[in-house]
Amino acid sequence: MIPILRTRKHRSAIINLSSSFGHFISHGASTYTHSKVMVDHYSRTLAIENKDKLDIITVRPFGVRTPMMEMKKGAFMISPKDCVISSLADLGQSDTTWTGFMHKVQASYLAKMKE
């Protein structure tokens, strides 16, 4: 797929879906966390290797209202539509996004807690 995207006249984009668990490790979710860490590293490597032709971003939401998350409630849950819109807004600006203002606030807070 990447060789085809690289031959296009205009820049192309690849959007990979990760999770906040790929950055902030969570107890009891080791397999899920590991898979999201790998998505993050794969995307960042692709971004470095293809920065001349492709915009590659990793989406790291904290919580998206989907059937998988229907048991979770809270102020930080966003809709799938909001996740996509906010991720596209960050495309070309960064190689990762926390998907929206509330998730960016939460990521900033947790990053400070890790220090």
PDB file of N, CA and C in Angstrom:
ATOM      1  N   MET A   1       0.811  -1.188   0.000  1.00  0.00           N
ATOM      2  CA  MET A   1       0.000   0.000   0.000  1.00  0.00           C
ATOM      3  C   MET A   1       0.866   1.269   0.000  1.00  0.00           C
ATOM      4  N   ILE A   2       1.911   1.274   0.812  1.00  0.00           N
ATOM      5  CA  ILE A   2       2.750   2.466   0.908  1.00  0.00           C
ATOM      6  C   ILE A   2       3.413   2.803  -0.434  1.00  0.00           C
ATOM      7  N   PRO A   3       3.946   1.829  -1.171  1.00  0.00           N
ATOM      8  CA  PRO A   3       4.516   2.194  -2.471  1.00  0.00           C
ATOM      9  C   PRO A   3       3.506   2.859  -3.405  1.00  0.00           C
ATOM     10  N   ILE A   4       2.269   2.428  -3.359  1.00  0.00           N
ATOM     11  CA  ILE A   4       1.224   3.043  -4.191  1.00  0.00           C
ATOM     12  C   ILE A   4       0.953   4.469  -3.727  1.00  0.00           C
ATOM     13  N   LEU A   5       0.826   4.674  -2.414  1.00  0.00           N
ATOM     14  CA  LEU A   5       0.582   6.019  -1.883  1.00  0.00           C
ATOM     15  C   LEU A   5       1.734   6.959  -2.214  1.00  0.00           C
ATOM     16  N   ARG A   6       2.949   6.455  -2.207  1.00  0.00           N
ATOM     17  CA  ARG A   6       4.110   7.294  -2.486  1.00  0.00           C
ATOM     18  C   ARG A   6       4.158   7.764  -3.939  1.00  0.00           C
ATOM     19  N   THR A   7       3.506   7.050  -4.852  1.00  0.00           N
ATOM     20  CA  THR A   7       3.534   7.442  -6.267  1.00  0.00           C
ATOM     21  C   THR A   7       2.477   8.486  -6.611  1.00  0.00           C
ATOM     22  N   ARG A   8       1.584   8.779  -5.695  1.00  0.00           N
ATOM     23  CA  ARG A   8       0.522   9.749  -5.964  1.00  0.00           C
ATOM     24  C   ARG A   8       1.083  11.158  -6.093  1.00  0.00           C
ATOM     25  N   LYS A   9       0.411  11.973  -6.884  1.00  0.00           N
ATOM     26  CA  LYS A   9       0.834  13.357  -7.112  1.00  0.00           C
ATOM     27  C   LYS A   9       0.743  14.182  -5.828  1.00  0.00           C
ATOM     28  N   HIS A  10      -0.326  13.982  -5.068  1.00  0.00           N
ATOM     29  CA  HIS A  10      -0.555  14.730  -3.829  1.00  0.00           C
ATOM     30  C   HIS A  10      -0.178  13.872  -2.619  1.00  0.00           C
ATOM     31  N   ARG A  11       0.031  14.550  -1.496  1.00  0.00           N
ATOM     32  CA  ARG A  11       0.333  13.825  -0.256  1.00  0.00           C
ATOM     33  C   ARG A  11      -0.825  12.907   0.104  1.00  0.00           C
ATOM     34  N   SER A  12      -0.505  11.805   0.708  1.00  0.00           N
ATOM     35  CA  SER A  12      -1.503  10.865   1.198  1.00  0.00           C
ATOM     36  C   SER A  12      -1.386  10.791   2.713  1.00  0.00           C
ATOM     37  N   ALA A  13      -2.348  10.136   3.333  1.00  0.00           N
ATOM     38  CA  ALA A  13      -2.337  10.021   4.786  1.00  0.00           C
ATOM     39  C   ALA A  13      -2.662   8.592   5.197  1.00  0.00           C
ATOM     40  N   ILE A  14      -2.049   8.197   6.291  1.00  0.00           N
ATOM     41  CA  ILE A  14      -2.364   6.928   6.946  1.00  0.00           C
ATOM     42  C   ILE A  14      -2.726   7.277   8.381  1.00  0.00           C
ATOM     43  N   ILE A  15      -3.881   6.796   8.815  1.00  0.00           N
ATOM     44  CA  ILE A  15      -4.345   7.047  10.181  1.00  0.00           C
ATOM     45  C   ILE A  15      -4.443   5.697  10.882  1.00  0.00           C
ATOM     46  N   ASN A  16      -3.644   5.521  11.920  1.00  0.00           N
ATOM     47  CA  ASN A  16      -3.646   4.275  12.690  1.00  0.00           C
ATOM     48  C   ASN A  16      -4.302   4.519  14.039  1.00  0.00           C
ATOM     49  N   LEU A  17      -5.140   3.603  14.429  1.00  0.00           N
ATOM     50  CA  LEU A  17      -5.856   3.728  15.694  1.00  0.00           C
ATOM     51  C   LEU A  17      -5.127   2.969  16.789  1.00  0.00           C
ATOM     52  N   SER A  18      -4.695   3.695  17.782  1.00  0.00           N
ATOM     53  CA  SER A  18      -4.046   3.130  18.959  1.00  0.00           C
ATOM     54  C   SER A  18      -4.975   3.365  20.142  1.00  0.00           C
ATOM     55  N   SER A  19      -4.419   3.748  21.262  1.00  0.00           N
ATOM     56  CA  SER A  19      -5.192   4.003  22.466  1.00  0.00           C
ATOM     57  C   SER A  19      -4.301   4.740  23.452  1.00  0.00           C
ATOM     58  N   SER A  20      -4.907   5.400  24.392  1.00  0.00           N
ATOM     59  CA  SER A  20      -4.122   6.019  25.467  1.00  0.00           C
ATOM     60  C   SER A  20      -3.353   4.937  26.228  1.00  0.00           C
ATOM     61  N   PHE A  21      -3.834   3.698  26.186  1.00  0.00           N
ATOM     62  CA  PHE A  21      -3.156   2.582  26.852  1.00  0.00           C
ATOM     63  C   PHE A  21      -1.800   2.300  26.211  1.00  0.00           C
ATOM     64  N   GLY A  22      -1.591   2.762  24.974  1.00  0.00           N
ATOM     65  CA  GLY A  22      -0.300   2.595  24.335  1.00  0.00           C
ATOM     66  C   GLY A  22       0.755   3.523  24.908  1.00  0.00           C
ATOM     67  N   HIS A  23       0.328   4.518  25.644  1.00  0.00           N
ATOM     68  CA  HIS A  23       1.246   5.491  26.242  1.00  0.00           C
ATOM     69  C   HIS A  23       1.223   5.437  27.767  1.00  0.00           C
ATOM     70  N   PHE A  24       0.032   5.319  28.330  1.00  0.00           N
ATOM     71  CA  PHE A  24      -0.130   5.235  29.780  1.00  0.00           C
ATOM     72  C   PHE A  24      -0.527   3.803  30.123  1.00  0.00           C
ATOM     73  N   ILE A  25       0.404   3.040  30.628  1.00  0.00           N
ATOM     74  CA  ILE A  25       0.186   1.613  30.891  1.00  0.00           C
ATOM     75  C   ILE A  25      -0.887   1.433  31.958  1.00  0.00           C
ATOM     76  N   SER A  26      -1.747   0.437  31.743  1.00  0.00           N
ATOM     77  CA  SER A  26      -2.855   0.197  32.659  1.00  0.00           C
ATOM     78  C   SER A  26      -2.809  -1.231  33.195  1.00  0.00           C
ATOM     79  N   HIS A  27      -3.035  -1.380  34.476  1.00  0.00           N
ATOM     80  CA  HIS A  27      -3.068  -2.685  35.129  1.00  0.00           C
ATOM     81  C   HIS A  27      -4.213  -3.532  34.580  1.00  0.00           C
ATOM     82  N   GLY A  28      -3.935  -4.779  34.312  1.00  0.00           N
ATOM     83  CA  GLY A  28      -4.973  -5.709  33.890  1.00  0.00           C
ATOM     84  C   GLY A  28      -5.262  -5.708  32.400  1.00  0.00           C
ATOM     85  N   ALA A  29      -4.443  -5.004  31.631  1.00  0.00           N
ATOM     86  CA  ALA A  29      -4.696  -4.939  30.190  1.00  0.00           C
ATOM     87  C   ALA A  29      -3.396  -5.114  29.408  1.00  0.00           C
ATOM     88  N   SER A  30      -2.569  -6.058  29.838  1.00  0.00           N
ATOM     89  CA  SER A  30      -1.228  -6.169  29.259  1.00  0.00           C
ATOM     90  C   SER A  30      -1.229  -6.488  27.764  1.00  0.00           C
ATOM     91  N   THR A  31      -2.055  -7.407  27.313  1.00  0.00           N
ATOM     92  CA  THR A  31      -2.079  -7.752  25.889  1.00  0.00           C
ATOM     93  C   THR A  31      -2.575  -6.574  25.063  1.00  0.00           C
ATOM     94  N   TYR A  32      -3.647  -5.946  25.518  1.00  0.00           N
ATOM     95  CA  TYR A  32      -4.193  -4.787  24.807  1.00  0.00           C
ATOM     96  C   TYR A  32      -3.166  -3.655  24.779  1.00  0.00           C
ATOM     97  N   THR A  33      -2.560  -3.362  25.930  1.00  0.00           N
ATOM     98  CA  THR A  33      -1.559  -2.299  26.023  1.00  0.00           C
ATOM     99  C   THR A  33      -0.390  -2.579  25.088  1.00  0.00           C
ATOM    100  N   HIS A  34       0.105  -3.801  25.089  1.00  0.00           N
ATOM    101  CA  HIS A  34       1.232  -4.157  24.237  1.00  0.00           C
ATOM    102  C   HIS A  34       0.892  -3.960  22.768  1.00  0.00           C
ATOM    103  N   SER A  35      -0.299  -4.371  22.354  1.00  0.00           N
ATOM    104  CA  SER A  35      -0.674  -4.207  20.947  1.00  0.00           C
ATOM    105  C   SER A  35      -0.740  -2.735  20.562  1.00  0.00           C
ATOM    106  N   LYS A  36      -1.166  -1.878  21.482  1.00  0.00           N
ATOM    107  CA  LYS A  36      -1.260  -0.447  21.195  1.00  0.00           C
ATOM    108  C   LYS A  36       0.117   0.213  21.189  1.00  0.00           C
ATOM    109  N   VAL A  37       1.032  -0.256  22.030  1.00  0.00           N
ATOM    110  CA  VAL A  37       2.418   0.235  21.987  1.00  0.00           C
ATOM    111  C   VAL A  37       3.027  -0.080  20.625  1.00  0.00           C
ATOM    112  N   MET A  38       2.780  -1.280  20.129  1.00  0.00           N
ATOM    113  CA  MET A  38       3.325  -1.672  18.828  1.00  0.00           C
ATOM    114  C   MET A  38       2.747  -0.815  17.706  1.00  0.00           C
ATOM    115  N   VAL A  39       1.457  -0.505  17.762  1.00  0.00           N
ATOM    116  CA  VAL A  39       0.859   0.389  16.760  1.00  0.00           C
ATOM    117  C   VAL A  39       1.543   1.747  16.798  1.00  0.00           C
ATOM    118  N   ASP A  40       1.771   2.269  17.994  1.00  0.00           N
ATOM    119  CA  ASP A  40       2.454   3.563  18.138  1.00  0.00           C
ATOM    120  C   ASP A  40       3.847   3.539  17.502  1.00  0.00           C
ATOM    121  N   HIS A  41       4.630   2.534  17.830  1.00  0.00           N
ATOM    122  CA  HIS A  41       5.992   2.460  17.302  1.00  0.00           C
ATOM    123  C   HIS A  41       6.005   2.240  15.790  1.00  0.00           C
ATOM    124  N   TYR A  42       5.131   1.397  15.308  1.00  0.00           N
ATOM    125  CA  TYR A  42       5.040   1.153  13.863  1.00  0.00           C
ATOM    126  C   TYR A  42       4.689   2.446  13.125  1.00  0.00           C
ATOM    127  N   SER A  43       3.705   3.167  13.637  1.00  0.00           N
ATOM    128  CA  SER A  43       3.288   4.416  12.995  1.00  0.00           C
ATOM    129  C   SER A  43       4.394   5.461  13.012  1.00  0.00           C
ATOM    130  N   ARG A  44       5.066   5.596  14.138  1.00  0.00           N
ATOM    131  CA  ARG A  44       6.142   6.583  14.231  1.00  0.00           C
ATOM    132  C   ARG A  44       7.288   6.236  13.285  1.00  0.00           C
ATOM    133  N   THR A  45       7.589   4.959  13.134  1.00  0.00           N
ATOM    134  CA  THR A  45       8.629   4.537  12.195  1.00  0.00           C
ATOM    135  C   THR A  45       8.211   4.838  10.763  1.00  0.00           C
ATOM    136  N   LEU A  46       6.963   4.518  10.422  1.00  0.00           N
ATOM    137  CA  LEU A  46       6.468   4.842   9.089  1.00  0.00           C
ATOM    138  C   LEU A  46       6.523   6.341   8.825  1.00  0.00           C
ATOM    139  N   ALA A  47       6.181   7.137   9.822  1.00  0.00           N
ATOM    140  CA  ALA A  47       6.199   8.594   9.667  1.00  0.00           C
ATOM    141  C   ALA A  47       7.611   9.092   9.372  1.00  0.00           C
ATOM    142  N   ILE A  48       8.587   8.559  10.075  1.00  0.00           N
ATOM    143  CA  ILE A  48       9.978   8.960   9.842  1.00  0.00           C
ATOM    144  C   ILE A  48      10.430   8.552   8.447  1.00  0.00           C
ATOM    145  N   GLU A  49      10.102   7.339   8.049  1.00  0.00           N
ATOM    146  CA  GLU A  49      10.551   6.820   6.762  1.00  0.00           C
ATOM    147  C   GLU A  49       9.860   7.466   5.562  1.00  0.00           C
ATOM    148  N   ASN A  50       8.677   8.037   5.773  1.00  0.00           N
ATOM    149  CA  ASN A  50       7.881   8.536   4.649  1.00  0.00           C
ATOM    150  C   ASN A  50       7.472   9.998   4.764  1.00  0.00           C
ATOM    151  N   LYS A  51       8.169  10.762   5.597  1.00  0.00           N
ATOM    152  CA  LYS A  51       7.751  12.140   5.859  1.00  0.00           C
ATOM    153  C   LYS A  51       7.747  13.012   4.609  1.00  0.00           C
ATOM    154  N   ASP A  52       8.462  12.611   3.577  1.00  0.00           N
ATOM    155  CA  ASP A  52       8.494  13.408   2.354  1.00  0.00           C
ATOM    156  C   ASP A  52       7.204  13.295   1.538  1.00  0.00           C
ATOM    157  N   LYS A  53       6.435  12.230   1.711  1.00  0.00           N
ATOM    158  CA  LYS A  53       5.256  11.989   0.875  1.00  0.00           C
ATOM    159  C   LYS A  53       3.966  11.706   1.629  1.00  0.00           C
ATOM    160  N   LEU A  54       4.075  11.237   2.876  1.00  0.00           N
ATOM    161  CA  LEU A  54       2.885  10.796   3.604  1.00  0.00           C
ATOM    162  C   LEU A  54       2.760  11.487   4.951  1.00  0.00           C
ATOM    163  N   ASP A  55       1.536  11.792   5.324  1.00  0.00           N
ATOM    164  CA  ASP A  55       1.228  12.216   6.686  1.00  0.00           C
ATOM    165  C   ASP A  55       0.702  10.984   7.407  1.00  0.00           C
ATOM    166  N   ILE A  56       1.357  10.625   8.490  1.00  0.00           N
ATOM    167  CA  ILE A  56       0.957   9.444   9.254  1.00  0.00           C
ATOM    168  C   ILE A  56       0.719   9.888  10.690  1.00  0.00           C
ATOM    169  N   ILE A  57      -0.441   9.518  11.200  1.00  0.00           N
ATOM    170  CA  ILE A  57      -0.797   9.916  12.555  1.00  0.00           C
ATOM    171  C   ILE A  57      -1.341   8.716  13.316  1.00  0.00           C
ATOM    172  N   THR A  58      -1.014   8.669  14.580  1.00  0.00           N
ATOM    173  CA  THR A  58      -1.554   7.646  15.480  1.00  0.00           C
ATOM    174  C   THR A  58      -2.596   8.314  16.364  1.00  0.00           C
ATOM    175  N   VAL A  59      -3.775   7.768  16.378  1.00  0.00           N
ATOM    176  CA  VAL A  59      -4.876   8.279  17.183  1.00  0.00           C
ATOM    177  C   VAL A  59      -4.873   7.539  18.516  1.00  0.00           C
ATOM    178  N   ARG A  60      -4.828   8.300  19.631  1.00  0.00           N
ATOM    179  CA  ARG A  60      -4.740   7.709  20.971  1.00  0.00           C
ATOM    180  C   ARG A  60      -5.906   8.162  21.850  1.00  0.00           C
ATOM    181  N   PRO A  61      -7.119   7.750  21.564  1.00  0.00           N
ATOM    182  CA  PRO A  61      -8.234   8.198  22.402  1.00  0.00           C
ATOM    183  C   PRO A  61      -8.215   7.570  23.790  1.00  0.00           C
ATOM    184  N   PHE A  62      -8.823   8.269  24.728  1.00  0.00           N
ATOM    185  CA  PHE A  62      -8.990   7.731  26.083  1.00  0.00           C
ATOM    186  C   PHE A  62     -10.274   6.926  26.180  1.00  0.00           C
ATOM    187  N   GLY A  63     -11.290   7.336  25.510  1.00  0.00           N
ATOM    188  CA  GLY A  63     -12.557   6.615  25.554  1.00  0.00           C
ATOM    189  C   GLY A  63     -13.482   7.104  24.460  1.00  0.00           C
ATOM    190  N   VAL A  64     -13.932   6.180  23.633  1.00  0.00           N
ATOM    191  CA  VAL A  64     -14.850   6.504  22.542  1.00  0.00           C
ATOM    192  C   VAL A  64     -16.114   5.687  22.754  1.00  0.00           C
ATOM    193  N   ARG A  65     -17.256   6.346  22.650  1.00  0.00           N
ATOM    194  CA  ARG A  65     -18.538   5.660  22.861  1.00  0.00           C
ATOM    195  C   ARG A  65     -18.801   4.680  21.722  1.00  0.00           C
ATOM    196  N   THR A  66     -18.427   3.433  21.957  1.00  0.00           N
ATOM    197  CA  THR A  66     -18.654   2.345  21.005  1.00  0.00           C
ATOM    198  C   THR A  66     -19.257   1.176  21.785  1.00  0.00           C
ATOM    199  N   PRO A  67     -19.734   0.143  21.100  1.00  0.00           N
ATOM    200  CA  PRO A  67     -20.253  -1.012  21.836  1.00  0.00           C
ATOM    201  C   PRO A  67     -19.239  -1.617  22.808  1.00  0.00           C
ATOM    202  N   MET A  68     -17.950  -1.576  22.457  1.00  0.00           N
ATOM    203  CA  MET A  68     -16.918  -2.108  23.348  1.00  0.00           C
ATOM    204  C   MET A  68     -16.846  -1.321  24.654  1.00  0.00           C
ATOM    205  N   MET A  69     -17.194  -0.047  24.611  1.00  0.00           N
ATOM    206  CA  MET A  69     -17.070   0.820  25.778  1.00  0.00           C
ATOM    207  C   MET A  69     -18.416   1.222  26.371  1.00  0.00           C
ATOM    208  N   GLU A  70     -19.495   0.525  26.017  1.00  0.00           N
ATOM    209  CA  GLU A  70     -20.822   0.964  26.460  1.00  0.00           C
ATOM    210  C   GLU A  70     -21.005   0.908  27.975  1.00  0.00           C
ATOM    211  N   MET A  71     -20.169   0.136  28.676  1.00  0.00           N
ATOM    212  CA  MET A  71     -20.278   0.074  30.132  1.00  0.00           C
ATOM    213  C   MET A  71     -19.597   1.269  30.808  1.00  0.00           C
ATOM    214  N   LYS A  72     -18.790   2.017  30.053  1.00  0.00           N
ATOM    215  CA  LYS A  72     -18.066   3.162  30.600  1.00  0.00           C
ATOM    216  C   LYS A  72     -18.874   4.442  30.362  1.00  0.00           C
ATOM    217  N   LYS A  73     -18.905   5.286  31.348  1.00  0.00           N
ATOM    218  CA  LYS A  73     -19.576   6.573  31.246  1.00  0.00           C
ATOM    219  C   LYS A  73     -18.606   7.626  31.754  1.00  0.00           C
ATOM    220  N   GLY A  74     -18.829   8.861  31.396  1.00  0.00           N
ATOM    221  CA  GLY A  74     -17.988   9.917  31.954  1.00  0.00           C
ATOM    222  C   GLY A  74     -17.769  11.054  30.999  1.00  0.00           C
ATOM    223  N   ALA A  75     -17.239  12.122  31.545  1.00  0.00           N
ATOM    224  CA  ALA A  75     -17.023  13.355  30.796  1.00  0.00           C
ATOM    225  C   ALA A  75     -15.974  13.200  29.701  1.00  0.00           C
ATOM    226  N   PHE A  76     -15.087  12.229  29.838  1.00  0.00           N
ATOM    227  CA  PHE A  76     -14.011  12.089  28.866  1.00  0.00           C
ATOM    228  C   PHE A  76     -14.362  11.197  27.685  1.00  0.00           C
ATOM    229  N   MET A  77     -15.533  10.598  27.692  1.00  0.00           N
ATOM    230  CA  MET A  77     -15.957   9.770  26.562  1.00  0.00           C
ATOM    231  C   MET A  77     -16.375  10.683  25.413  1.00  0.00           C
ATOM    232  N   ILE A  78     -15.914  10.364  24.195  1.00  0.00           N
ATOM    233  CA  ILE A  78     -16.287  11.151  23.025  1.00  0.00           C
ATOM    234  C   ILE A  78     -16.955  10.241  22.000  1.00  0.00           C
ATOM    235  N   SER A  79     -17.643  10.842  21.070  1.00  0.00           N
ATOM    236  CA  SER A  79     -18.306  10.069  20.025  1.00  0.00           C
ATOM    237  C   SER A  79     -17.280   9.667  18.965  1.00  0.00           C
ATOM    238  N   PRO A  80     -17.566   8.608  18.214  1.00  0.00           N
ATOM    239  CA  PRO A  80     -16.665   8.242  17.119  1.00  0.00           C
ATOM    240  C   PRO A  80     -16.483   9.397  16.123  1.00  0.00           C
ATOM    241  N   LYS A  81     -17.547  10.136  15.854  1.00  0.00           N
ATOM    242  CA  LYS A  81     -17.462  11.272  14.932  1.00  0.00           C
ATOM    243  C   LYS A  81     -16.502  12.334  15.464  1.00  0.00           C
ATOM    244  N   ASP A  82     -16.602  12.673  16.743  1.00  0.00           N
ATOM    245  CA  ASP A  82     -15.688  13.654  17.331  1.00  0.00           C
ATOM    246  C   ASP A  82     -14.243  13.155  17.312  1.00  0.00           C
ATOM    247  N   CYS A  83     -14.058  11.866  17.493  1.00  0.00           N
ATOM    248  CA  CYS A  83     -12.726  11.267  17.444  1.00  0.00           C
ATOM    249  C   CYS A  83     -12.113  11.472  16.058  1.00  0.00           C
ATOM    250  N   VAL A  84     -12.888  11.210  15.030  1.00  0.00           N
ATOM    251  CA  VAL A  84     -12.403  11.360  13.651  1.00  0.00           C
ATOM    252  C   VAL A  84     -12.133  12.821  13.326  1.00  0.00           C
ATOM    253  N   ILE A  85     -13.070  13.699  13.642  1.00  0.00           N
ATOM    254  CA  ILE A  85     -12.918  15.118  13.305  1.00  0.00           C
ATOM    255  C   ILE A  85     -11.690  15.723  13.987  1.00  0.00           C
ATOM    256  N   SER A  86     -11.523  15.457  15.263  1.00  0.00           N
ATOM    257  CA  SER A  86     -10.379  16.033  15.974  1.00  0.00           C
ATOM    258  C   SER A  86      -9.064  15.417  15.503  1.00  0.00           C
ATOM    259  N   SER A  87      -9.076  14.148  15.129  1.00  0.00           N
ATOM    260  CA  SER A  87      -7.863  13.502  14.625  1.00  0.00           C
ATOM    261  C   SER A  87      -7.458  14.092  13.282  1.00  0.00           C
ATOM    262  N   LEU A  88      -8.427  14.323  12.412  1.00  0.00           N
ATOM    263  CA  LEU A  88      -8.122  14.915  11.110  1.00  0.00           C
ATOM    264  C   LEU A  88      -7.592  16.336  11.253  1.00  0.00           C
ATOM    265  N   ALA A  89      -8.054  17.051  12.278  1.00  0.00           N
ATOM    266  CA  ALA A  89      -7.568  18.410  12.515  1.00  0.00           C
ATOM    267  C   ALA A  89      -6.085  18.410  12.868  1.00  0.00           C
ATOM    268  N   ASP A  90      -5.603  17.346  13.489  1.00  0.00           N
ATOM    269  CA  ASP A  90      -4.192  17.245  13.881  1.00  0.00           C
ATOM    270  C   ASP A  90      -3.313  16.616  12.804  1.00  0.00           C
ATOM    271  N   LEU A  91      -3.922  16.074  11.762  1.00  0.00           N
ATOM    272  CA  LEU A  91      -3.176  15.416  10.690  1.00  0.00           C
ATOM    273  C   LEU A  91      -2.237  16.417  10.014  1.00  0.00           C
ATOM    274  N   GLY A  92      -0.988  16.040   9.861  1.00  0.00           N
ATOM    275  CA  GLY A  92       0.013  16.908   9.261  1.00  0.00           C
ATOM    276  C   GLY A  92       0.672  17.842  10.257  1.00  0.00           C
ATOM    277  N   GLN A  93       0.105  17.951  11.459  1.00  0.00           N
ATOM    278  CA  GLN A  93       0.659  18.804  12.507  1.00  0.00           C
ATOM    279  C   GLN A  93       1.521  18.014  13.483  1.00  0.00           C
ATOM    280  N   SER A  94       1.205  16.740  13.625  1.00  0.00           N
ATOM    281  CA  SER A  94       1.872  15.896  14.611  1.00  0.00           C
ATOM    282  C   SER A  94       1.790  14.450  14.144  1.00  0.00           C
ATOM    283  N   ASP A  95       2.602  13.587  14.752  1.00  0.00           N
ATOM    284  CA  ASP A  95       2.497  12.168  14.394  1.00  0.00           C
ATOM    285  C   ASP A  95       1.606  11.394  15.359  1.00  0.00           C
ATOM    286  N   THR A  96       1.087  12.088  16.398  1.00  0.00           N
ATOM    287  CA  THR A  96       0.115  11.479  17.317  1.00  0.00           C
ATOM    288  C   THR A  96      -0.951  12.508  17.674  1.00  0.00           C
ATOM    289  N   THR A  97      -2.097  12.020  18.091  1.00  0.00           N
ATOM    290  CA  THR A  97      -3.156  12.903  18.573  1.00  0.00           C
ATOM    291  C   THR A  97      -3.903  12.216  19.710  1.00  0.00           C
ATOM    292  N   TRP A  98      -4.341  13.027  20.652  1.00  0.00           N
ATOM    293  CA  TRP A  98      -5.138  12.520  21.779  1.00  0.00           C
ATOM    294  C   TRP A  98      -6.623  12.696  21.504  1.00  0.00           C
ATOM    295  N   THR A  99      -6.997  13.126  20.343  1.00  0.00           N
ATOM    296  CA  THR A  99      -8.390  13.214  19.880  1.00  0.00           C
ATOM    297  C   THR A  99      -9.270  14.143  20.702  1.00  0.00           C
ATOM    298  N   GLY A 100      -9.071  15.374  20.578  1.00  0.00           N
ATOM    299  CA  GLY A 100      -9.990  16.335  21.170  1.00  0.00           C
ATOM    300  C   GLY A 100      -9.487  16.980  22.444  1.00  0.00           C
ATOM    301  N   PHE A 101     -10.094  18.100  22.750  1.00  0.00           N
ATOM    302  CA  PHE A 101      -9.648  18.924  23.863  1.00  0.00           C
ATOM    303  C   PHE A 101      -9.630  18.174  25.190  1.00  0.00           C
ATOM    304  N   MET A 102     -10.715  17.506  25.526  1.00  0.00           N
ATOM    305  CA  MET A 102     -10.795  16.831  26.829  1.00  0.00           C
ATOM    306  C   MET A 102      -9.752  15.716  26.952  1.00  0.00           C
ATOM    307  N   HIS A 103      -9.495  14.994  25.874  1.00  0.00           N
ATOM    308  CA  HIS A 103      -8.485  13.941  25.918  1.00  0.00           C
ATOM    309  C   HIS A 103      -7.081  14.538  25.997  1.00  0.00           C
ATOM    310  N   LYS A 104      -6.867  15.679  25.355  1.00  0.00           N
ATOM    311  CA  LYS A 104      -5.569  16.352  25.445  1.00  0.00           C
ATOM    312  C   LYS A 104      -5.323  16.852  26.865  1.00  0.00           C
ATOM    313  N   VAL A 105      -6.365  17.341  27.517  1.00  0.00           N
ATOM    314  CA  VAL A 105      -6.247  17.766  28.915  1.00  0.00           C
ATOM    315  C   VAL A 105      -5.902  16.565  29.787  1.00  0.00           C
ATOM    316  N   GLN A 106      -6.597  15.472  29.587  1.00  0.00           N
ATOM    317  CA  GLN A 106      -6.354  14.261  30.373  1.00  0.00           C
ATOM    318  C   GLN A 106      -4.927  13.746  30.147  1.00  0.00           C
ATOM    319  N   ALA A 107      -4.454  13.751  28.914  1.00  0.00           N
ATOM    320  CA  ALA A 107      -3.087  13.293  28.619  1.00  0.00           C
ATOM    321  C   ALA A 107      -2.048  14.189  29.288  1.00  0.00           C
ATOM    322  N   SER A 108      -2.280  15.477  29.249  1.00  0.00           N
ATOM    323  CA  SER A 108      -1.361  16.426  29.863  1.00  0.00           C
ATOM    324  C   SER A 108      -1.290  16.190  31.374  1.00  0.00           C
ATOM    325  N   TYR A 109      -2.427  15.998  31.990  1.00  0.00           N
ATOM    326  CA  TYR A 109      -2.495  15.745  33.435  1.00  0.00           C
ATOM    327  C   TYR A 109      -1.759  14.448  33.787  1.00  0.00           C
ATOM    328  N   LEU A 110      -2.018  13.387  33.057  1.00  0.00           N
ATOM    329  CA  LEU A 110      -1.377  12.104  33.352  1.00  0.00           C
ATOM    330  C   LEU A 110       0.128  12.162  33.103  1.00  0.00           C
ATOM    331  N   ALA A 111       0.546  12.901  32.093  1.00  0.00           N
ATOM    332  CA  ALA A 111       1.974  13.050  31.834  1.00  0.00           C
ATOM    333  C   ALA A 111       2.670  13.745  33.007  1.00  0.00           C
ATOM    334  N   LYS A 112       2.011  14.752  33.569  1.00  0.00           N
ATOM    335  CA  LYS A 112       2.567  15.447  34.746  1.00  0.00           C
ATOM    336  C   LYS A 112       2.646  14.505  35.943  1.00  0.00           C
ATOM    337  N   MET A 113       1.669  13.642  36.074  1.00  0.00           N
ATOM    338  CA  MET A 113       1.639  12.679  37.184  1.00  0.00           C
ATOM    339  C   MET A 113       2.783  11.665  37.069  1.00  0.00           C
ATOM    340  N   LYS A 114       3.191  11.348  35.832  1.00  0.00           N
ATOM    341  CA  LYS A 114       4.270  10.388  35.615  1.00  0.00           C
ATOM    342  C   LYS A 114       5.633  10.954  35.974  1.00  0.00           C
ATOM    343  N   GLU A 115       5.769  12.285  35.962  1.00  0.00           N
ATOM    344  CA  GLU A 115       7.068  12.923  36.221  1.00  0.00           C
ATOM    345  C   GLU A 115       7.523  12.746  37.656  1.00  0.00           C
TER     346      GLU A 115
END
